[in-house]
Amino acid sequence: MLVAVQCMCDLLTSLPHFNYHMNLIAVLVPRMNDKLLDGQVRQWIFLQCMHMYIYCVAHFKVHMHVICI
């Protein structure tokens, strides 16, 4: 699970304009609250989502799609 999460987070943060970024966000965001996952995995997802959010706000002025999910 950790490798899959890392790959999704890396794809999301390295290519925030990726055409399936909403699908990645929709998969990753609920995992931040998944009690079955290790706390380290949840923290990793949170940090990567925040990184992507900050990047989008700074470069694209787009942030509502992240807030909606």
C-alpha atoms as a PDB file:
ATOM      1  CA  MET A   1       0.000   0.000   0.000  1.00  0.00           C
ATOM      2  CA  LEU A   2       2.808   2.401   0.848  1.00  0.00           C
ATOM      3  CA  VAL A   3       4.404   2.089  -2.601  1.00  0.00           C
ATOM      4  CA  ALA A   4       1.087   2.730  -4.362  1.00  0.00           C
ATOM      5  CA  VAL A   5       0.402   5.763  -2.164  1.00  0.00           C
ATOM      6  CA  GLN A   6       3.889   7.121  -2.782  1.00  0.00           C
ATOM      7  CA  CYS A   7       3.492   6.696  -6.538  1.00  0.00           C
ATOM      8  CA  MET A   8       0.130   8.465  -6.560  1.00  0.00           C
ATOM      9  CA  CYS A   9       1.473  11.292  -4.382  1.00  0.00           C
ATOM     10  CA  ASP A  10       4.576  11.673  -6.532  1.00  0.00           C
ATOM     11  CA  LEU A  11       2.488  11.818  -9.683  1.00  0.00           C
ATOM     12  CA  LEU A  12       0.154  14.349  -8.114  1.00  0.00           C
ATOM     13  CA  THR A  13       2.909  16.646  -6.873  1.00  0.00           C
ATOM     14  CA  SER A  14       5.239  16.371  -9.849  1.00  0.00           C
ATOM     15  CA  LEU A  15       2.485  16.830 -12.455  1.00  0.00           C
ATOM     16  CA  PRO A  16      -0.390  18.733 -10.825  1.00  0.00           C
ATOM     17  CA  HIS A  17      -1.845  19.419 -14.285  1.00  0.00           C
ATOM     18  CA  PHE A  18      -2.094  15.654 -14.973  1.00  0.00           C
ATOM     19  CA  ASN A  19      -5.488  14.981 -16.554  1.00  0.00           C
ATOM     20  CA  TYR A  20      -6.461  12.450 -13.860  1.00  0.00           C
ATOM     21  CA  HIS A  21      -5.414  14.582 -10.892  1.00  0.00           C
ATOM     22  CA  MET A  22      -8.984  14.728  -9.604  1.00  0.00           C
ATOM     23  CA  ASN A  23      -9.118  10.923  -9.537  1.00  0.00           C
ATOM     24  CA  LEU A  24      -5.872  10.806  -7.567  1.00  0.00           C
ATOM     25  CA  ILE A  25      -7.175  13.391  -5.115  1.00  0.00           C
ATOM     26  CA  ALA A  26     -10.426  11.461  -4.756  1.00  0.00           C
ATOM     27  CA  VAL A  27      -8.455   8.324  -3.854  1.00  0.00           C
ATOM     28  CA  LEU A  28      -5.858   9.942  -1.597  1.00  0.00           C
ATOM     29  CA  VAL A  29      -7.880  12.393   0.484  1.00  0.00           C
ATOM     30  CA  PRO A  30     -10.134   9.776   2.150  1.00  0.00           C
ATOM     31  CA  ARG A  31      -6.993   7.780   3.007  1.00  0.00           C
ATOM     32  CA  MET A  32      -5.853  10.601   5.296  1.00  0.00           C
ATOM     33  CA  ASN A  33      -8.600   9.591   7.717  1.00  0.00           C
ATOM     34  CA  ASP A  34      -8.327   5.817   7.226  1.00  0.00           C
ATOM     35  CA  LYS A  35      -7.612   4.337  10.665  1.00  0.00           C
ATOM     36  CA  LEU A  36      -6.449   1.067   9.088  1.00  0.00           C
ATOM     37  CA  LEU A  37      -3.447   2.791   7.534  1.00  0.00           C
ATOM     38  CA  ASP A  38      -0.276   3.486   9.414  1.00  0.00           C
ATOM     39  CA  GLY A  39       0.018   7.028  10.771  1.00  0.00           C
ATOM     40  CA  GLN A  40       3.143   7.544   8.686  1.00  0.00           C
ATOM     41  CA  VAL A  41       1.221   6.786   5.480  1.00  0.00           C
ATOM     42  CA  ARG A  42      -1.568   9.176   6.443  1.00  0.00           C
ATOM     43  CA  GLN A  43       0.962  11.875   7.262  1.00  0.00           C
ATOM     44  CA  TRP A  44       2.734  11.295   3.929  1.00  0.00           C
ATOM     45  CA  ILE A  45      -0.548  11.713   2.044  1.00  0.00           C
ATOM     46  CA  PHE A  46      -1.409  14.859   4.002  1.00  0.00           C
ATOM     47  CA  LEU A  47       1.972  16.465   3.325  1.00  0.00           C
ATOM     48  CA  GLN A  48       1.845  15.642  -0.375  1.00  0.00           C
ATOM     49  CA  CYS A  49      -1.705  16.970  -0.732  1.00  0.00           C
ATOM     50  CA  MET A  50      -0.709  20.172   1.050  1.00  0.00           C
ATOM     51  CA  HIS A  51       2.309  20.494  -1.249  1.00  0.00           C
ATOM     52  CA  MET A  52       0.055  20.110  -4.289  1.00  0.00           C
ATOM     53  CA  TYR A  53      -2.476  22.578  -2.855  1.00  0.00           C
ATOM     54  CA  ILE A  54       0.192  25.223  -2.220  1.00  0.00           C
ATOM     55  CA  TYR A  55       1.642  24.690  -5.698  1.00  0.00           C
ATOM     56  CA  CYS A  56      -1.765  25.074  -7.356  1.00  0.00           C
ATOM     57  CA  VAL A  57      -2.648  28.190  -5.388  1.00  0.00           C
ATOM     58  CA  ALA A  58       0.729  29.764  -6.152  1.00  0.00           C
ATOM     59  CA  HIS A  59       0.889  28.873  -9.843  1.00  0.00           C
ATOM     60  CA  PHE A  60      -2.644  28.399 -11.108  1.00  0.00           C
ATOM     61  CA  LYS A  61      -4.781  30.244  -8.577  1.00  0.00           C
ATOM     62  CA  VAL A  62      -6.929  27.111  -8.532  1.00  0.00           C
ATOM     63  CA  HIS A  63      -7.941  25.671  -5.209  1.00  0.00           C
ATOM     64  CA  MET A  64     -11.674  25.041  -5.080  1.00  0.00           C
ATOM     65  CA  HIS A  65     -11.443  21.480  -6.466  1.00  0.00           C
ATOM     66  CA  VAL A  66      -9.212  20.472  -3.565  1.00  0.00           C
ATOM     67  CA  ILE A  67     -11.485  22.098  -0.999  1.00  0.00           C
ATOM     68  CA  CYS A  68     -14.588  20.432  -2.461  1.00  0.00           C
ATOM     69  CA  ILE A  69     -13.149  16.971  -1.913  1.00  0.00           C
END
